[in-house]
Every structure is written in C-alpha cells, then in structure tokens.
Amino acid sequence: MSTIEQAVTAEPKQCSCKGEEQLHGPKHSSSCQCNSHQSEDSKPEHSCGCKHEDHAVTEELSQSLIDKLVASLADKNDYQAKLSCFKKHHPSIRIIECSEDDMAEREAFMSASYFDLFLMAKGTSCARLTNSVDLAIGVVIALHEE
C-alpha cells in the first residue's frame, strides 16, 4: 500500500448522528458513542437532577412546551426547582413571575391549581399579552395569593 492510500484510510470515520450538532469521530472504530445512541435511562442527569435533553437556544414556544411547563409545575412544593430546571433547558423562552394581583382582571391563557399562565407577545416595543401561541415568545406565571 502506498503512503497516499495509508493517509486516506487512516482518516477517522465521521458520524453525523441525529441530535448531534457537528460531525464527530466515533470513540471506537466500529461504533459511535454519541449522546443520541443512549437510552433514556442511561442519559446523564443534569445538575438540576433531570434527564431532559438540552435544547437549542432558538427554540420556539409551542403548546406542547407550555403543557410540559404546566405539568412540571404541578407540585407547588417543587415549584422553584422545577421552574429553574425548565429555564435552564429552555433559555430562549422568556419567563416572568408575578402575583395574580399584578395581572388585574385579565383572562389567563391557562390556569393551574396555584397559578395562572399568560402569554407574552412578540414585539419590539412595549410588553403585551396575547392568547395566540404562534405570536408568543414567553410566559407570565401569576402565582395565586394564599
């Protein structure tokens, strides 16, 4: 084999597994060890204790993401920890916390046992609310008074 052929065959294999941001070389010549091949149970826990996938910085707000947020905040005792975790894994979603009194008589987009959820509208000027998920960039969580 000539030195040219050796140089070509010595080049590391490249893997472009789903979920990976860049091409990368497998750690072992025969298999890829990237994160997208791990089972849900084998995924590493994050510092917040969850096993969520990290999301892109440009993630859009969606109804499924709102549902996930509301479900994760269901237990009032874990509210701060769960909200911190959600913020960490969804950094592009704006979240404001306030008291229900701050929202006056506005109708909530969604209500839960101890808070109401409002949607923040996209825009370049003053903050405003919307009831359209397609027009929203974040949420306002208005905690009920005890």
N, C-alpha and C. Protein backbone atom coordinates (compact mmCIF):
# COMPACT_ATOMS: atom_id res chain seq x y z
N MET A 1 0.85 -1.18 0.00
CA MET A 1 0.00 0.00 0.00
C MET A 1 0.89 1.24 0.00
N SER A 2 0.59 2.20 -0.82
CA SER A 2 1.40 3.41 -0.90
C SER A 2 1.08 4.33 0.26
N THR A 3 1.92 5.34 0.48
CA THR A 3 1.69 6.29 1.57
C THR A 3 0.44 7.13 1.33
N ILE A 4 0.07 7.34 0.08
CA ILE A 4 -1.15 8.09 -0.22
C ILE A 4 -2.37 7.28 0.23
N GLU A 5 -2.40 5.98 -0.07
CA GLU A 5 -3.51 5.14 0.35
C GLU A 5 -3.60 5.06 1.86
N GLN A 6 -2.45 5.00 2.54
CA GLN A 6 -2.45 4.93 4.00
C GLN A 6 -3.05 6.19 4.60
N ALA A 7 -2.73 7.33 4.04
CA ALA A 7 -3.25 8.59 4.57
C ALA A 7 -4.76 8.65 4.43
N VAL A 8 -5.28 8.14 3.33
CA VAL A 8 -6.73 8.16 3.11
C VAL A 8 -7.43 7.20 4.06
N THR A 9 -6.91 6.00 4.24
CA THR A 9 -7.57 5.03 5.10
C THR A 9 -7.40 5.34 6.58
N ALA A 10 -6.39 6.12 6.95
CA ALA A 10 -6.17 6.45 8.35
C ALA A 10 -7.09 7.57 8.83
N GLU A 11 -7.77 8.21 7.92
CA GLU A 11 -8.67 9.30 8.29
C GLU A 11 -9.80 8.76 9.16
N PRO A 12 -10.10 9.42 10.29
CA PRO A 12 -11.14 8.89 11.18
C PRO A 12 -12.52 8.95 10.55
N LYS A 13 -13.34 7.98 10.89
CA LYS A 13 -14.72 7.97 10.42
C LYS A 13 -15.45 9.16 11.02
N GLN A 14 -16.43 9.65 10.30
CA GLN A 14 -17.23 10.76 10.79
C GLN A 14 -18.65 10.30 11.05
N CYS A 15 -19.22 10.75 12.12
CA CYS A 15 -20.59 10.39 12.47
C CYS A 15 -21.42 11.66 12.49
N SER A 16 -22.57 11.63 11.90
CA SER A 16 -23.48 12.78 11.95
C SER A 16 -24.82 12.32 12.50
N CYS A 17 -24.76 11.75 13.68
CA CYS A 17 -25.96 11.19 14.31
C CYS A 17 -27.01 12.25 14.54
N LYS A 18 -28.25 11.83 14.49
CA LYS A 18 -29.37 12.73 14.76
C LYS A 18 -29.22 13.28 16.17
N GLY A 19 -29.37 14.58 16.31
CA GLY A 19 -29.29 15.20 17.62
C GLY A 19 -27.91 15.77 17.91
N GLU A 20 -26.92 15.42 17.13
CA GLU A 20 -25.58 15.95 17.34
C GLU A 20 -25.42 17.20 16.48
N GLU A 21 -24.78 18.23 17.04
CA GLU A 21 -24.66 19.49 16.33
C GLU A 21 -23.60 19.46 15.24
N GLN A 22 -22.53 18.66 15.43
CA GLN A 22 -21.43 18.66 14.48
C GLN A 22 -21.01 17.24 14.17
N LEU A 23 -20.33 17.10 13.04
CA LEU A 23 -19.73 15.81 12.73
C LEU A 23 -18.68 15.52 13.80
N HIS A 24 -18.53 14.27 14.14
CA HIS A 24 -17.54 13.90 15.15
C HIS A 24 -17.04 12.50 14.87
N GLY A 25 -15.87 12.22 15.34
CA GLY A 25 -15.30 10.90 15.15
C GLY A 25 -15.76 9.97 16.24
N PRO A 26 -16.15 8.75 15.90
CA PRO A 26 -16.53 7.78 16.93
C PRO A 26 -15.35 7.50 17.86
N LYS A 27 -15.63 7.28 19.13
CA LYS A 27 -14.57 6.99 20.09
C LYS A 27 -13.93 5.64 19.80
N HIS A 28 -14.69 4.71 19.28
CA HIS A 28 -14.18 3.40 18.89
C HIS A 28 -14.38 3.26 17.40
N SER A 29 -13.47 2.57 16.75
CA SER A 29 -13.51 2.50 15.29
C SER A 29 -14.79 1.87 14.74
N SER A 30 -15.43 0.99 15.49
CA SER A 30 -16.59 0.30 14.94
C SER A 30 -17.94 0.88 15.36
N SER A 31 -17.95 1.72 16.37
CA SER A 31 -19.25 2.23 16.82
C SER A 31 -19.15 3.66 17.30
N CYS A 32 -20.24 4.35 17.21
CA CYS A 32 -20.32 5.73 17.68
C CYS A 32 -20.80 5.74 19.12
N GLN A 33 -20.24 6.60 19.92
CA GLN A 33 -20.62 6.69 21.33
C GLN A 33 -21.28 8.04 21.64
N CYS A 34 -21.91 8.64 20.65
CA CYS A 34 -22.51 9.95 20.89
C CYS A 34 -23.80 9.84 21.69
N ASN A 35 -24.26 10.96 22.18
CA ASN A 35 -25.43 11.02 23.07
C ASN A 35 -26.71 10.50 22.44
N SER A 36 -26.85 10.60 21.13
CA SER A 36 -28.12 10.22 20.51
C SER A 36 -28.35 8.72 20.52
N HIS A 37 -27.34 7.93 20.86
CA HIS A 37 -27.49 6.48 20.92
C HIS A 37 -27.79 5.98 22.32
N GLN A 38 -27.80 6.87 23.31
CA GLN A 38 -28.05 6.44 24.68
C GLN A 38 -29.54 6.25 24.90
N SER A 39 -29.89 5.27 25.71
CA SER A 39 -31.30 5.08 26.05
C SER A 39 -31.70 6.14 27.05
N GLU A 40 -32.99 6.35 27.24
CA GLU A 40 -33.49 7.36 28.17
C GLU A 40 -32.96 7.13 29.58
N ASP A 41 -32.86 5.84 30.00
CA ASP A 41 -32.39 5.53 31.34
C ASP A 41 -30.91 5.78 31.52
N SER A 42 -30.14 5.73 30.44
CA SER A 42 -28.70 5.89 30.57
C SER A 42 -28.24 7.33 30.35
N LYS A 43 -29.16 8.22 30.03
CA LYS A 43 -28.77 9.61 29.83
C LYS A 43 -28.31 10.20 31.15
N PRO A 44 -27.26 11.02 31.10
CA PRO A 44 -26.74 11.58 32.34
C PRO A 44 -27.72 12.56 32.97
N GLU A 45 -27.73 12.60 34.28
CA GLU A 45 -28.56 13.58 34.95
C GLU A 45 -27.84 14.92 34.91
N HIS A 46 -28.60 15.98 34.77
CA HIS A 46 -28.05 17.32 34.79
C HIS A 46 -27.93 17.78 36.24
N SER A 47 -27.28 18.90 36.45
CA SER A 47 -27.10 19.41 37.81
C SER A 47 -28.43 19.66 38.50
N CYS A 48 -29.50 19.85 37.73
CA CYS A 48 -30.82 20.07 38.32
C CYS A 48 -31.51 18.74 38.64
N GLY A 49 -30.88 17.61 38.28
CA GLY A 49 -31.42 16.30 38.61
C GLY A 49 -32.31 15.69 37.55
N CYS A 50 -32.57 16.41 36.46
CA CYS A 50 -33.45 15.87 35.43
C CYS A 50 -32.64 15.16 34.35
N LYS A 51 -33.35 14.51 33.45
CA LYS A 51 -32.71 13.83 32.33
C LYS A 51 -33.16 14.43 31.01
N HIS A 52 -33.57 15.71 31.03
CA HIS A 52 -34.04 16.37 29.82
C HIS A 52 -32.91 16.52 28.83
N GLU A 53 -33.28 16.52 27.56
CA GLU A 53 -32.33 16.83 26.50
C GLU A 53 -32.10 18.34 26.55
N ASP A 54 -30.90 18.78 26.23
CA ASP A 54 -30.66 20.21 26.11
C ASP A 54 -31.28 20.68 24.81
N HIS A 55 -31.82 21.89 24.81
CA HIS A 55 -32.49 22.40 23.63
C HIS A 55 -31.70 23.54 23.01
N ALA A 56 -31.99 23.80 21.78
CA ALA A 56 -31.32 24.87 21.06
C ALA A 56 -31.69 26.22 21.65
N VAL A 57 -30.79 27.16 21.53
CA VAL A 57 -31.01 28.49 22.06
C VAL A 57 -32.17 29.18 21.36
N THR A 58 -32.49 28.79 20.15
CA THR A 58 -33.53 29.46 19.37
C THR A 58 -34.87 28.71 19.40
N GLU A 59 -35.09 27.90 20.39
CA GLU A 59 -36.33 27.13 20.49
C GLU A 59 -37.55 28.05 20.55
N GLU A 60 -38.58 27.68 19.81
CA GLU A 60 -39.83 28.46 19.78
C GLU A 60 -40.80 27.94 20.84
N LEU A 61 -41.61 28.84 21.36
CA LEU A 61 -42.66 28.46 22.30
C LEU A 61 -43.74 27.71 21.53
N SER A 62 -44.24 26.63 22.09
CA SER A 62 -45.28 25.83 21.44
C SER A 62 -46.28 25.36 22.50
N GLN A 63 -47.42 24.88 22.06
CA GLN A 63 -48.42 24.38 23.00
C GLN A 63 -47.86 23.19 23.78
N SER A 64 -47.12 22.32 23.12
CA SER A 64 -46.57 21.16 23.83
C SER A 64 -45.55 21.58 24.88
N LEU A 65 -44.79 22.63 24.61
CA LEU A 65 -43.83 23.13 25.59
C LEU A 65 -44.55 23.79 26.77
N ILE A 66 -45.63 24.50 26.49
CA ILE A 66 -46.44 25.09 27.56
C ILE A 66 -47.05 23.99 28.42
N ASP A 67 -47.57 22.95 27.78
CA ASP A 67 -48.13 21.81 28.53
C ASP A 67 -47.07 21.15 29.40
N LYS A 68 -45.86 21.02 28.86
CA LYS A 68 -44.76 20.42 29.62
C LYS A 68 -44.42 21.29 30.84
N LEU A 69 -44.41 22.61 30.66
CA LEU A 69 -44.13 23.53 31.77
C LEU A 69 -45.20 23.41 32.85
N VAL A 70 -46.46 23.47 32.46
CA VAL A 70 -47.56 23.38 33.43
C VAL A 70 -47.52 22.05 34.17
N ALA A 71 -47.27 20.97 33.46
CA ALA A 71 -47.20 19.64 34.10
C ALA A 71 -46.03 19.57 35.08
N SER A 72 -44.89 20.15 34.71
CA SER A 72 -43.73 20.09 35.61
C SER A 72 -43.93 20.94 36.85
N LEU A 73 -44.77 21.95 36.78
CA LEU A 73 -45.01 22.83 37.93
C LEU A 73 -46.23 22.41 38.74
N ALA A 74 -46.77 21.23 38.47
CA ALA A 74 -47.99 20.78 39.14
C ALA A 74 -47.86 20.71 40.65
N ASP A 75 -46.71 20.30 41.15
CA ASP A 75 -46.50 20.18 42.59
C ASP A 75 -45.93 21.50 43.12
N LYS A 76 -46.72 22.20 43.91
CA LYS A 76 -46.33 23.51 44.43
C LYS A 76 -45.05 23.43 45.27
N ASN A 77 -44.82 22.31 45.94
CA ASN A 77 -43.64 22.18 46.80
C ASN A 77 -42.34 22.17 46.00
N ASP A 78 -42.38 21.73 44.75
CA ASP A 78 -41.18 21.69 43.90
C ASP A 78 -41.14 22.84 42.90
N TYR A 79 -41.97 23.84 43.08
CA TYR A 79 -42.14 24.91 42.10
C TYR A 79 -40.81 25.55 41.69
N GLN A 80 -40.05 26.07 42.65
CA GLN A 80 -38.82 26.79 42.31
C GLN A 80 -37.80 25.91 41.61
N ALA A 81 -37.62 24.69 42.10
CA ALA A 81 -36.65 23.77 41.49
C ALA A 81 -37.06 23.41 40.06
N LYS A 82 -38.33 23.11 39.87
CA LYS A 82 -38.82 22.73 38.53
C LYS A 82 -38.77 23.91 37.56
N LEU A 83 -39.09 25.10 38.05
CA LEU A 83 -39.04 26.28 37.19
C LEU A 83 -37.59 26.59 36.80
N SER A 84 -36.67 26.48 37.74
CA SER A 84 -35.25 26.70 37.44
C SER A 84 -34.75 25.71 36.40
N CYS A 85 -35.16 24.46 36.54
CA CYS A 85 -34.78 23.42 35.58
C CYS A 85 -35.33 23.76 34.19
N PHE A 86 -36.59 24.14 34.12
CA PHE A 86 -37.21 24.48 32.84
C PHE A 86 -36.47 25.66 32.19
N LYS A 87 -36.16 26.69 32.98
CA LYS A 87 -35.44 27.85 32.45
C LYS A 87 -34.08 27.46 31.91
N LYS A 88 -33.41 26.56 32.61
CA LYS A 88 -32.07 26.12 32.19
C LYS A 88 -32.12 25.39 30.85
N HIS A 89 -33.12 24.55 30.66
CA HIS A 89 -33.21 23.74 29.45
C HIS A 89 -33.94 24.42 28.30
N HIS A 90 -34.56 25.56 28.57
CA HIS A 90 -35.28 26.31 27.53
C HIS A 90 -34.91 27.79 27.65
N PRO A 91 -33.63 28.13 27.44
CA PRO A 91 -33.17 29.50 27.68
C PRO A 91 -33.77 30.56 26.76
N SER A 92 -34.29 30.17 25.62
CA SER A 92 -34.86 31.16 24.70
C SER A 92 -36.30 31.52 25.04
N ILE A 93 -36.92 30.81 25.96
CA ILE A 93 -38.30 31.09 26.36
C ILE A 93 -38.28 32.08 27.51
N ARG A 94 -38.90 33.22 27.32
CA ARG A 94 -38.93 34.24 28.37
C ARG A 94 -39.97 33.86 29.42
N ILE A 95 -39.59 34.02 30.68
CA ILE A 95 -40.49 33.68 31.78
C ILE A 95 -40.44 34.80 32.81
N ILE A 96 -41.62 35.30 33.16
CA ILE A 96 -41.75 36.31 34.20
C ILE A 96 -42.67 35.75 35.27
N GLU A 97 -42.29 35.94 36.53
CA GLU A 97 -43.13 35.52 37.65
C GLU A 97 -43.69 36.77 38.32
N CYS A 98 -44.95 36.68 38.75
CA CYS A 98 -45.56 37.79 39.47
C CYS A 98 -46.73 37.26 40.30
N SER A 99 -47.39 38.14 40.97
CA SER A 99 -48.58 37.80 41.75
C SER A 99 -49.81 37.92 40.84
N GLU A 100 -50.84 37.16 41.16
CA GLU A 100 -52.08 37.27 40.37
C GLU A 100 -52.65 38.68 40.45
N ASP A 101 -52.37 39.40 41.53
CA ASP A 101 -52.84 40.78 41.65
C ASP A 101 -52.22 41.69 40.59
N ASP A 102 -51.00 41.37 40.17
CA ASP A 102 -50.33 42.18 39.15
C ASP A 102 -50.99 42.07 37.78
N MET A 103 -51.76 41.03 37.57
CA MET A 103 -52.40 40.81 36.28
C MET A 103 -53.81 41.38 36.22
N ALA A 104 -54.25 41.98 37.31
CA ALA A 104 -55.57 42.61 37.40
C ALA A 104 -56.68 41.66 36.97
N GLU A 105 -57.56 42.09 36.11
CA GLU A 105 -58.71 41.29 35.70
C GLU A 105 -58.51 40.61 34.35
N ARG A 106 -57.28 40.50 33.90
CA ARG A 106 -57.03 39.87 32.61
C ARG A 106 -57.36 38.38 32.66
N GLU A 107 -57.85 37.86 31.54
CA GLU A 107 -58.17 36.44 31.46
C GLU A 107 -56.91 35.64 31.13
N ALA A 108 -56.65 34.63 31.94
CA ALA A 108 -55.45 33.81 31.75
C ALA A 108 -55.57 32.93 30.51
N PHE A 109 -54.44 32.63 29.89
CA PHE A 109 -54.39 31.69 28.78
C PHE A 109 -54.67 30.29 29.29
N MET A 110 -54.15 30.00 30.49
CA MET A 110 -54.29 28.68 31.10
C MET A 110 -54.21 28.86 32.61
N SER A 111 -54.95 28.06 33.35
CA SER A 111 -54.91 28.12 34.81
C SER A 111 -54.53 26.77 35.39
N ALA A 112 -53.80 26.81 36.49
CA ALA A 112 -53.43 25.61 37.23
C ALA A 112 -53.88 25.80 38.67
N SER A 113 -53.59 24.85 39.52
CA SER A 113 -54.10 24.89 40.89
C SER A 113 -53.63 26.11 41.68
N TYR A 114 -52.40 26.56 41.46
CA TYR A 114 -51.89 27.67 42.27
C TYR A 114 -51.30 28.81 41.44
N PHE A 115 -51.50 28.77 40.14
CA PHE A 115 -51.02 29.88 39.30
C PHE A 115 -51.84 29.97 38.01
N ASP A 116 -51.78 31.15 37.40
CA ASP A 116 -52.36 31.38 36.08
C ASP A 116 -51.21 31.63 35.12
N LEU A 117 -51.41 31.25 33.88
CA LEU A 117 -50.37 31.41 32.87
C LEU A 117 -50.87 32.35 31.78
N PHE A 118 -50.07 33.34 31.46
CA PHE A 118 -50.36 34.30 30.41
C PHE A 118 -49.25 34.20 29.37
N LEU A 119 -49.54 34.55 28.13
CA LEU A 119 -48.54 34.51 27.06
C LEU A 119 -48.04 35.91 26.75
N MET A 120 -46.72 36.06 26.63
CA MET A 120 -46.11 37.33 26.23
C MET A 120 -46.01 37.36 24.72
N ALA A 121 -46.47 38.46 24.12
CA ALA A 121 -46.45 38.59 22.66
C ALA A 121 -45.08 39.02 22.15
N LYS A 122 -44.78 38.60 20.92
CA LYS A 122 -43.57 39.06 20.24
C LYS A 122 -43.75 40.53 19.94
N GLY A 123 -42.66 41.24 19.89
CA GLY A 123 -42.73 42.64 19.54
C GLY A 123 -41.44 43.35 19.90
N THR A 124 -41.26 44.51 19.33
CA THR A 124 -40.05 45.27 19.57
C THR A 124 -40.29 46.47 20.48
N SER A 125 -41.53 46.70 20.84
CA SER A 125 -41.82 47.85 21.69
C SER A 125 -42.26 47.37 23.07
N CYS A 126 -43.27 47.94 23.61
CA CYS A 126 -43.74 47.62 24.96
C CYS A 126 -44.20 46.17 25.08
N ALA A 127 -44.06 45.64 26.27
CA ALA A 127 -44.53 44.27 26.53
C ALA A 127 -46.05 44.24 26.45
N ARG A 128 -46.56 43.16 25.88
CA ARG A 128 -48.01 42.99 25.82
C ARG A 128 -48.34 41.51 25.86
N LEU A 129 -49.59 41.20 26.14
CA LEU A 129 -50.05 39.81 26.24
C LEU A 129 -50.78 39.40 24.97
N THR A 130 -50.86 38.10 24.77
CA THR A 130 -51.59 37.54 23.64
C THR A 130 -52.23 36.23 24.08
N ASN A 131 -53.20 35.77 23.33
CA ASN A 131 -53.78 34.44 23.57
C ASN A 131 -53.41 33.48 22.44
N SER A 132 -52.52 33.92 21.56
CA SER A 132 -52.08 33.10 20.44
C SER A 132 -50.67 32.55 20.71
N VAL A 133 -50.55 31.24 20.73
CA VAL A 133 -49.25 30.61 20.93
C VAL A 133 -48.30 30.99 19.79
N ASP A 134 -48.83 31.13 18.58
CA ASP A 134 -48.00 31.48 17.42
C ASP A 134 -47.38 32.87 17.54
N LEU A 135 -48.00 33.75 18.31
CA LEU A 135 -47.49 35.11 18.48
C LEU A 135 -46.70 35.29 19.77
N ALA A 136 -46.55 34.23 20.55
CA ALA A 136 -45.93 34.34 21.87
C ALA A 136 -44.44 34.01 21.85
N ILE A 137 -43.70 34.70 22.73
CA ILE A 137 -42.27 34.42 22.91
C ILE A 137 -41.96 33.98 24.33
N GLY A 138 -42.94 34.04 25.20
CA GLY A 138 -42.70 33.67 26.58
C GLY A 138 -43.98 33.61 27.37
N VAL A 139 -43.83 33.39 28.68
CA VAL A 139 -44.99 33.26 29.56
C VAL A 139 -44.84 34.13 30.80
N VAL A 140 -45.98 34.48 31.35
CA VAL A 140 -46.05 35.14 32.65
C VAL A 140 -46.74 34.16 33.58
N ILE A 141 -46.09 33.83 34.67
CA ILE A 141 -46.66 32.94 35.68
C ILE A 141 -47.13 33.82 36.83
N ALA A 142 -48.44 33.90 37.00
CA ALA A 142 -49.03 34.72 38.06
C ALA A 142 -49.47 33.80 39.20
N LEU A 143 -48.72 33.85 40.29
CA LEU A 143 -48.99 32.97 41.44
C LEU A 143 -50.21 33.45 42.21
N HIS A 144 -51.07 32.52 42.57
CA HIS A 144 -52.26 32.85 43.36
C HIS A 144 -51.85 33.22 44.78
N GLU A 145 -52.55 34.17 45.34
CA GLU A 145 -52.32 34.54 46.74
C GLU A 145 -52.91 33.48 47.64
N GLU A 146 -52.25 33.22 48.74
CA GLU A 146 -52.77 32.20 49.67
C GLU A 146 -53.72 32.78 50.68
